[in-house]
C-alpha atoms as a PDB file:
ATOM      1  CA  MET A   1      53.876 -29.423 -33.729  1.00  0.00           C
ATOM      2  CA  THR A   2      52.217 -26.030 -34.119  1.00  0.00           C
ATOM      3  CA  ASP A   3      54.087 -22.759 -34.557  1.00  0.00           C
ATOM      4  CA  THR A   4      52.888 -21.603 -31.132  1.00  0.00           C
ATOM      5  CA  GLY A   5      54.402 -24.621 -29.382  1.00  0.00           C
ATOM      6  CA  THR A   6      57.665 -24.174 -31.244  1.00  0.00           C
ATOM      7  CA  SER A   7      57.938 -20.523 -30.206  1.00  0.00           C
ATOM      8  CA  ASP A   8      57.270 -21.446 -26.553  1.00  0.00           C
ATOM      9  CA  LEU A   9      60.074 -24.001 -26.543  1.00  0.00           C
ATOM     10  CA  ALA A  10      62.439 -21.544 -28.155  1.00  0.00           C
ATOM     11  CA  SER A  11      61.823 -19.028 -25.358  1.00  0.00           C
ATOM     12  CA  LEU A  12      62.873 -21.455 -22.608  1.00  0.00           C
ATOM     13  CA  GLU A  13      66.344 -21.082 -21.128  1.00  0.00           C
ATOM     14  CA  PRO A  14      68.736 -23.910 -21.946  1.00  0.00           C
ATOM     15  CA  LEU A  15      69.410 -26.458 -19.190  1.00  0.00           C
ATOM     16  CA  GLU A  16      72.774 -26.441 -17.410  1.00  0.00           C
ATOM     17  CA  PRO A  17      75.107 -29.315 -18.248  1.00  0.00           C
ATOM     18  CA  LEU A  18      74.744 -32.261 -15.916  1.00  0.00           C
ATOM     19  CA  ASP A  19      78.519 -32.517 -15.419  1.00  0.00           C
ATOM     20  CA  GLY A  20      78.682 -28.966 -14.080  1.00  0.00           C
ATOM     21  CA  ALA A  21      75.904 -29.590 -11.579  1.00  0.00           C
ATOM     22  CA  MET A  22      77.642 -32.686 -10.251  1.00  0.00           C
ATOM     23  CA  ALA A  23      80.920 -30.808  -9.977  1.00  0.00           C
ATOM     24  CA  GLY A  24      79.343 -28.115  -7.795  1.00  0.00           C
ATOM     25  CA  ALA A  25      77.750 -30.589  -5.377  1.00  0.00           C
ATOM     26  CA  PRO A  26      79.672 -31.239  -2.125  1.00  0.00           C
ATOM     27  CA  ALA A  27      81.666 -34.432  -2.291  1.00  0.00           C
ATOM     28  CA  GLU A  28      80.885 -37.187   0.158  1.00  0.00           C
ATOM     29  CA  ASP A  29      83.534 -37.600   2.853  1.00  0.00           C
ATOM     30  CA  LEU A  30      84.384 -41.284   2.616  1.00  0.00           C
ATOM     31  CA  MET A  31      86.783 -41.107   5.600  1.00  0.00           C
ATOM     32  CA  ALA A  32      84.273 -39.605   8.049  1.00  0.00           C
ATOM     33  CA  HIS A  33      83.512 -42.938   9.675  1.00  0.00           C
ATOM     34  CA  ASN A  34      87.194 -43.789   9.990  1.00  0.00           C
ATOM     35  CA  ARG A  35      87.863 -40.495  11.812  1.00  0.00           C
ATOM     36  CA  ALA A  36      84.945 -40.859  14.179  1.00  0.00           C
ATOM     37  CA  GLY A  37      85.931 -40.481  17.845  1.00  0.00           C
ATOM     38  CA  LEU A  38      86.152 -38.030  20.709  1.00  0.00           C
ATOM     39  CA  ALA A  39      86.938 -34.429  19.876  1.00  0.00           C
ATOM     40  CA  ALA A  40      90.001 -32.670  21.265  1.00  0.00           C
ATOM     41  CA  PRO A  41      89.049 -31.775  24.872  1.00  0.00           C
ATOM     42  CA  ALA A  42      90.991 -28.534  25.040  1.00  0.00           C
ATOM     43  CA  HIS A  43      88.753 -26.928  22.394  1.00  0.00           C
ATOM     44  CA  SER A  44      85.287 -28.279  23.165  1.00  0.00           C
ATOM     45  CA  LEU A  45      82.587 -25.773  22.197  1.00  0.00           C
ATOM     46  CA  TYR A  46      79.932 -27.471  24.300  1.00  0.00           C
ATOM     47  CA  CYS A  47      81.623 -28.099  27.662  1.00  0.00           C
ATOM     48  CA  ARG A  48      81.991 -24.962  29.797  1.00  0.00           C
ATOM     49  CA  ASP A  49      82.501 -26.716  33.156  1.00  0.00           C
ATOM     50  CA  LYS A  50      86.103 -25.953  34.105  1.00  0.00           C
ATOM     51  CA  SER A  51      86.205 -28.753  36.672  1.00  0.00           C
ATOM     52  CA  PHE A  52      86.132 -31.312  33.829  1.00  0.00           C
ATOM     53  CA  TYR A  53      89.366 -29.867  32.467  1.00  0.00           C
ATOM     54  CA  ARG A  54      90.966 -29.857  35.927  1.00  0.00           C
ATOM     55  CA  PHE A  55      90.143 -33.526  36.406  1.00  0.00           C
ATOM     56  CA  LEU A  56      91.624 -34.341  33.013  1.00  0.00           C
ATOM     57  CA  PHE A  57      94.811 -32.445  33.876  1.00  0.00           C
ATOM     58  CA  ALA A  58      94.991 -34.265  37.229  1.00  0.00           C
ATOM     59  CA  GLY A  59      94.914 -37.582  35.392  1.00  0.00           C
ATOM     60  CA  VAL A  60      97.677 -36.415  33.062  1.00  0.00           C
ATOM     61  CA  MET A  61      99.831 -35.367  36.041  1.00  0.00           C
ATOM     62  CA  MET A  62      99.401 -38.762  37.674  1.00  0.00           C
ATOM     63  CA  PHE A  63     100.225 -40.514  34.410  1.00  0.00           C
ATOM     64  CA  VAL A  64     103.436 -38.500  33.942  1.00  0.00           C
ATOM     65  CA  GLY A  65     104.382 -39.154  37.585  1.00  0.00           C
ATOM     66  CA  CYS A  66     104.000 -42.904  37.071  1.00  0.00           C
ATOM     67  CA  CYS A  67     106.359 -42.682  34.073  1.00  0.00           C
ATOM     68  CA  MET A  68     109.073 -40.993  36.160  1.00  0.00           C
ATOM     69  CA  PRO A  69     111.411 -42.558  38.775  1.00  0.00           C
ATOM     70  CA  TRP A  70     110.165 -43.035  42.333  1.00  0.00           C
ATOM     71  CA  THR A  71     113.587 -43.717  43.831  1.00  0.00           C
ATOM     72  CA  ALA A  72     117.211 -42.863  43.161  1.00  0.00           C
ATOM     73  CA  GLU A  73     117.232 -45.630  40.551  1.00  0.00           C
ATOM     74  CA  ILE A  74     116.585 -43.359  37.584  1.00  0.00           C
ATOM     75  CA  GLY A  75     116.402 -46.259  35.118  1.00  0.00           C
ATOM     76  CA  ARG A  76     113.265 -47.627  36.777  1.00  0.00           C
ATOM     77  CA  ALA A  77     109.934 -45.840  36.340  1.00  0.00           C
ATOM     78  CA  GLY A  78     107.216 -45.841  38.960  1.00  0.00           C
ATOM     79  CA  TYR A  79     104.811 -47.975  36.920  1.00  0.00           C
ATOM     80  CA  GLN A  80     107.333 -50.845  37.056  1.00  0.00           C
ATOM     81  CA  THR A  81     106.318 -51.464  40.659  1.00  0.00           C
ATOM     82  CA  MET A  82     103.076 -53.112  41.732  1.00  0.00           C
ATOM     83  CA  ALA A  83     101.703 -49.945  43.342  1.00  0.00           C
ATOM     84  CA  GLY A  84     102.885 -47.819  40.453  1.00  0.00           C
ATOM     85  CA  GLY A  85     101.147 -50.025  37.903  1.00  0.00           C
ATOM     86  CA  PHE A  86      97.895 -49.745  39.843  1.00  0.00           C
ATOM     87  CA  TYR A  87      98.271 -45.968  40.094  1.00  0.00           C
ATOM     88  CA  MET A  88      98.901 -45.764  36.352  1.00  0.00           C
ATOM     89  CA  LEU A  89      95.691 -47.660  35.599  1.00  0.00           C
ATOM     90  CA  ILE A  90      93.795 -45.109  37.686  1.00  0.00           C
ATOM     91  CA  ALA A  91      95.536 -42.259  35.844  1.00  0.00           C
ATOM     92  CA  ILE A  92      94.641 -43.725  32.442  1.00  0.00           C
ATOM     93  CA  ALA A  93      91.036 -44.219  33.575  1.00  0.00           C
ATOM     94  CA  MET A  94      90.923 -40.575  34.726  1.00  0.00           C
ATOM     95  CA  VAL A  95      92.163 -39.330  31.351  1.00  0.00           C
ATOM     96  CA  TRP A  96      89.804 -41.660  29.497  1.00  0.00           C
ATOM     97  CA  SER A  97      86.678 -40.835  31.508  1.00  0.00           C
ATOM     98  CA  TRP A  98      87.147 -37.055  31.660  1.00  0.00           C
ATOM     99  CA  TRP A  99      88.080 -36.803  27.988  1.00  0.00           C
ATOM    100  CA  ALA A 100      84.737 -38.473  27.281  1.00  0.00           C
ATOM    101  CA  SER A 101      83.020 -36.231  29.834  1.00  0.00           C
ATOM    102  CA  ILE A 102      84.312 -33.103  28.085  1.00  0.00           C
ATOM    103  CA  ALA A 103      83.240 -34.408  24.686  1.00  0.00           C
ATOM    104  CA  ASN A 104      79.725 -35.274  25.957  1.00  0.00           C
ATOM    105  CA  ASN A 105      79.395 -32.267  28.323  1.00  0.00           C
ATOM    106  CA  ARG A 106      78.372 -34.501  31.238  1.00  0.00           C
ATOM    107  CA  PRO A 107      80.251 -36.703  33.741  1.00  0.00           C
ATOM    108  CA  VAL A 108      80.784 -40.171  32.307  1.00  0.00           C
ATOM    109  CA  SER A 109      82.171 -41.947  35.367  1.00  0.00           C
ATOM    110  CA  MET A 110      82.678 -40.436  38.812  1.00  0.00           C
ATOM    111  CA  LYS A 111      84.041 -43.555  40.493  1.00  0.00           C
ATOM    112  CA  TRP A 112      87.598 -42.907  39.321  1.00  0.00           C
ATOM    113  CA  LEU A 113      87.649 -39.728  41.394  1.00  0.00           C
ATOM    114  CA  LEU A 114      87.113 -41.897  44.461  1.00  0.00           C
ATOM    115  CA  PHE A 115      89.851 -44.297  43.348  1.00  0.00           C
ATOM    116  CA  THR A 116      92.363 -41.429  43.244  1.00  0.00           C
ATOM    117  CA  MET A 117      92.265 -41.481  47.036  1.00  0.00           C
ATOM    118  CA  VAL A 118      94.496 -44.582  46.869  1.00  0.00           C
ATOM    119  CA  PRO A 119      97.451 -42.915  45.071  1.00  0.00           C
ATOM    120  CA  LEU A 120      96.894 -39.779  47.168  1.00  0.00           C
ATOM    121  CA  VAL A 121      97.373 -41.663  50.427  1.00  0.00           C
ATOM    122  CA  GLY A 122     100.192 -43.834  49.066  1.00  0.00           C
ATOM    123  CA  SER A 123     102.216 -40.969  47.622  1.00  0.00           C
ATOM    124  CA  ALA A 124     101.609 -38.826  50.722  1.00  0.00           C
ATOM    125  CA  MET A 125     103.056 -41.581  52.910  1.00  0.00           C
ATOM    126  CA  ALA A 126     106.065 -41.845  50.597  1.00  0.00           C
ATOM    127  CA  LEU A 127     106.672 -38.096  50.760  1.00  0.00           C
ATOM    128  CA  PHE A 128     106.110 -37.399  54.446  1.00  0.00           C
ATOM    129  CA  THR A 129     107.929 -40.480  55.755  1.00  0.00           C
ATOM    130  CA  PHE A 130     110.912 -39.938  53.469  1.00  0.00           C
ATOM    131  CA  ASN A 131     114.249 -40.112  55.316  1.00  0.00           C
ATOM    132  CA  VAL A 132     116.966 -38.410  53.297  1.00  0.00           C
ATOM    133  CA  VAL A 133     119.912 -39.817  55.244  1.00  0.00           C
ATOM    134  CA  ASP A 134     118.761 -43.431  55.003  1.00  0.00           C
ATOM    135  CA  ALA A 135     117.885 -43.048  51.333  1.00  0.00           C
ATOM    136  CA  ALA A 136     121.290 -41.531  50.570  1.00  0.00           C
ATOM    137  CA  GLN A 137     123.133 -44.305  52.405  1.00  0.00           C
ATOM    138  CA  HIS A 138     121.141 -46.983  50.592  1.00  0.00           C
ATOM    139  CA  ALA A 139     121.689 -45.326  47.205  1.00  0.00           C
ATOM    140  CA  LYS A 140     125.445 -44.979  47.762  1.00  0.00           C
ATOM    141  CA  ASP A 141     125.796 -48.555  48.992  1.00  0.00           C
ATOM    142  CA  HIS A 142     124.134 -49.843  45.821  1.00  0.00           C
ATOM    143  CA  GLY A 143     125.977 -47.492  43.484  1.00  0.00           C
ATOM    144  CA  LEU A 144     122.867 -45.581  42.438  1.00  0.00           C
ATOM    145  CA  VAL A 145     124.395 -42.169  43.126  1.00  0.00           C
ATOM    146  CA  PRO A 146     127.979 -40.852  43.288  1.00  0.00           C
ATOM    147  CA  MET A 147     129.649 -41.206  46.677  1.00  0.00           C
ATOM    148  CA  ASP A 148     130.443 -37.488  46.806  1.00  0.00           C
ATOM    149  CA  MET A 149     126.861 -36.367  46.038  1.00  0.00           C
ATOM    150  CA  THR A 150     125.499 -33.746  48.425  1.00  0.00           C
ATOM    151  CA  PHE A 151     121.825 -33.275  49.257  1.00  0.00           C
ATOM    152  CA  SER A 152     119.436 -31.186  51.324  1.00  0.00           C
ATOM    153  CA  GLU A 153     118.874 -32.982  54.618  1.00  0.00           C
ATOM    154  CA  SER A 154     115.141 -32.332  55.081  1.00  0.00           C
ATOM    155  CA  TRP A 155     112.115 -30.671  53.543  1.00  0.00           C
ATOM    156  CA  SER A 156     112.842 -27.430  55.369  1.00  0.00           C
ATOM    157  CA  THR A 157     116.410 -27.283  54.089  1.00  0.00           C
ATOM    158  CA  VAL A 158     115.159 -28.004  50.553  1.00  0.00           C
ATOM    159  CA  PHE A 159     113.144 -24.796  50.504  1.00  0.00           C
ATOM    160  CA  LYS A 160     116.001 -22.884  52.099  1.00  0.00           C
ATOM    161  CA  ASP A 161     118.377 -24.181  49.436  1.00  0.00           C
ATOM    162  CA  MET A 162     115.884 -23.250  46.722  1.00  0.00           C
ATOM    163  CA  GLY A 163     115.913 -19.706  48.059  1.00  0.00           C
ATOM    164  CA  SER A 164     119.707 -19.782  48.156  1.00  0.00           C
ATOM    165  CA  ALA A 165     119.742 -20.994  44.556  1.00  0.00           C
ATOM    166  CA  ILE A 166     117.727 -17.935  43.542  1.00  0.00           C
ATOM    167  CA  ALA A 167     120.366 -15.873  45.344  1.00  0.00           C
ATOM    168  CA  LYS A 168     122.951 -17.565  43.083  1.00  0.00           C
ATOM    169  CA  ASN A 169     124.584 -19.822  45.648  1.00  0.00           C
ATOM    170  CA  ALA A 170     126.434 -22.359  43.481  1.00  0.00           C
ATOM    171  CA  GLU A 171     126.194 -25.228  46.000  1.00  0.00           C
ATOM    172  CA  ALA A 172     122.457 -24.906  46.763  1.00  0.00           C
ATOM    173  CA  PRO A 173     121.161 -26.220  43.388  1.00  0.00           C
ATOM    174  CA  VAL A 174     123.386 -29.290  43.733  1.00  0.00           C
ATOM    175  CA  ARG A 175     121.929 -30.117  47.155  1.00  0.00           C
ATOM    176  CA  VAL A 176     118.366 -29.598  45.892  1.00  0.00           C
ATOM    177  CA  GLU A 177     119.017 -31.814  42.870  1.00  0.00           C
ATOM    178  CA  GLY A 178     120.450 -34.476  45.151  1.00  0.00           C
ATOM    179  CA  PHE A 179     117.341 -34.402  47.321  1.00  0.00           C
ATOM    180  CA  TRP A 180     114.958 -34.779  44.350  1.00  0.00           C
ATOM    181  CA  ARG A 181     117.156 -37.548  42.953  1.00  0.00           C
ATOM    182  CA  LEU A 182     116.852 -39.547  46.174  1.00  0.00           C
ATOM    183  CA  LEU A 183     113.141 -38.878  46.573  1.00  0.00           C
ATOM    184  CA  GLY A 184     112.121 -39.571  43.013  1.00  0.00           C
ATOM    185  CA  PRO A 185     110.215 -36.782  41.217  1.00  0.00           C
ATOM    186  CA  GLY A 186     107.432 -39.162  40.172  1.00  0.00           C
ATOM    187  CA  ASN A 187     106.128 -39.314  43.743  1.00  0.00           C
ATOM    188  CA  VAL A 188     105.604 -35.557  43.748  1.00  0.00           C
ATOM    189  CA  LEU A 189     103.626 -35.469  40.501  1.00  0.00           C
ATOM    190  CA  VAL A 190     101.433 -38.408  41.506  1.00  0.00           C
ATOM    191  CA  PHE A 191     100.688 -36.701  44.822  1.00  0.00           C
ATOM    192  CA  LEU A 192      99.884 -33.342  43.215  1.00  0.00           C
ATOM    193  CA  GLY A 193      97.680 -34.926  40.552  1.00  0.00           C
ATOM    194  CA  ALA A 194      95.722 -36.993  43.066  1.00  0.00           C
ATOM    195  CA  LEU A 195      95.423 -33.983  45.396  1.00  0.00           C
ATOM    196  CA  LEU A 196      94.073 -31.843  42.549  1.00  0.00           C
ATOM    197  CA  ALA A 197      91.490 -34.513  41.699  1.00  0.00           C
ATOM    198  CA  GLU A 198      90.291 -34.983  45.275  1.00  0.00           C
ATOM    199  CA  ALA A 199      90.229 -31.228  45.966  1.00  0.00           C
ATOM    200  CA  GLY A 200      88.131 -30.683  42.857  1.00  0.00           C
ATOM    201  CA  PHE A 201      85.783 -33.475  43.897  1.00  0.00           C
ATOM    202  CA  VAL A 202      85.281 -31.978  47.369  1.00  0.00           C
ATOM    203  CA  MET A 203      84.769 -28.497  45.933  1.00  0.00           C
ATOM    204  CA  GLY A 204      82.197 -29.894  43.506  1.00  0.00           C
ATOM    205  CA  VAL A 205      80.288 -31.622  46.293  1.00  0.00           C
ATOM    206  CA  VAL A 206      80.312 -28.490  48.440  1.00  0.00           C
ATOM    207  CA  GLY A 207      79.293 -26.308  45.501  1.00  0.00           C
ATOM    208  CA  GLY A 208      76.459 -28.667  44.553  1.00  0.00           C
ATOM    209  CA  ALA A 209      75.189 -28.742  48.116  1.00  0.00           C
ATOM    210  CA  LYS A 210      75.245 -24.937  48.226  1.00  0.00           C
ATOM    211  CA  GLN A 211      73.305 -24.701  44.960  1.00  0.00           C
ATOM    212  CA  ASN A 212      70.696 -27.150  46.228  1.00  0.00           C
ATOM    213  CA  LYS A 213      70.375 -25.153  49.443  1.00  0.00           C
ATOM    214  CA  ASP A 214      69.950 -21.891  47.541  1.00  0.00           C
ATOM    215  CA  ALA A 215      67.371 -23.491  45.238  1.00  0.00           C
ATOM    216  CA  THR A 216      65.419 -24.785  48.241  1.00  0.00           C
ATOM    217  CA  LYS A 217      65.433 -21.331  49.849  1.00  0.00           C
ATOM    218  CA  ALA A 218      64.238 -19.765  46.609  1.00  0.00           C
ATOM    219  CA  LYS A 219      61.359 -22.248  46.359  1.00  0.00           C
ATOM    220  CA  MET A 220      60.360 -21.615  49.966  1.00  0.00           C
ATOM    221  CA  ALA A 221      60.459 -17.860  49.429  1.00  0.00           C
ATOM    222  CA  ALA A 222      58.329 -18.182  46.276  1.00  0.00           C
ATOM    223  CA  ALA A 223      55.813 -20.384  48.101  1.00  0.00           C
ATOM    224  CA  ALA A 224      55.610 -17.893  50.963  1.00  0.00           C
ATOM    225  CA  GLU A 225      55.049 -15.034  48.518  1.00  0.00           C
ATOM    226  CA  ARG A 226      52.207 -16.933  46.851  1.00  0.00           C
ATOM    227  CA  ARG A 227      50.553 -17.564  50.235  1.00  0.00           C
ATOM    228  CA  ARG A 228      50.706 -13.871  51.096  1.00  0.00           C
ATOM    229  CA  LYS A 229      48.968 -13.014  47.860  1.00  0.00           C
END
């Protein structure tokens, strides 16, 4: 080798060690495939439609209501009945579909919103046909509640007793608690969850129709402006 070639090699910077280069490279995440799934819906960066979150919450409310008692028999949850099991399937489907909708930023399945009409009607009938006196007599005859338990006698007296409880009437909370015990708090949550879902569905339909109407008017106005020109 000539002296010129030797001097050129000597002027080159030394190469970095191979071990150091490998250490600085990002390590491959071997568990990425095992953790694959839907992101947490409460913190989605891509879904800005608030109705998706309301539908998810409605499904959660229905699910919790199905896990709570529907009668004075506090040891028996709502899903242990035939109707309650069906309602719980709808609630799980609501949570499943709208979790996926939030993750994908588009509705995955709208049919479950229509199915929530079934628990809405069923729970509404249970609430508005509820007879406190008959329910209390049945519960006392079967030993489900203490014989000396007091209760609010109707929906109107429930709200009056709730106001009295705020005014620190010691007997009012006991009567309100007795009423909810006989009614079963699960019925209320199922009704509210189904009502929230159906109300959101109707509002979405009305809002979509309004947007389509406004878009049609804008197109007609633009066409008319072009004709005038």
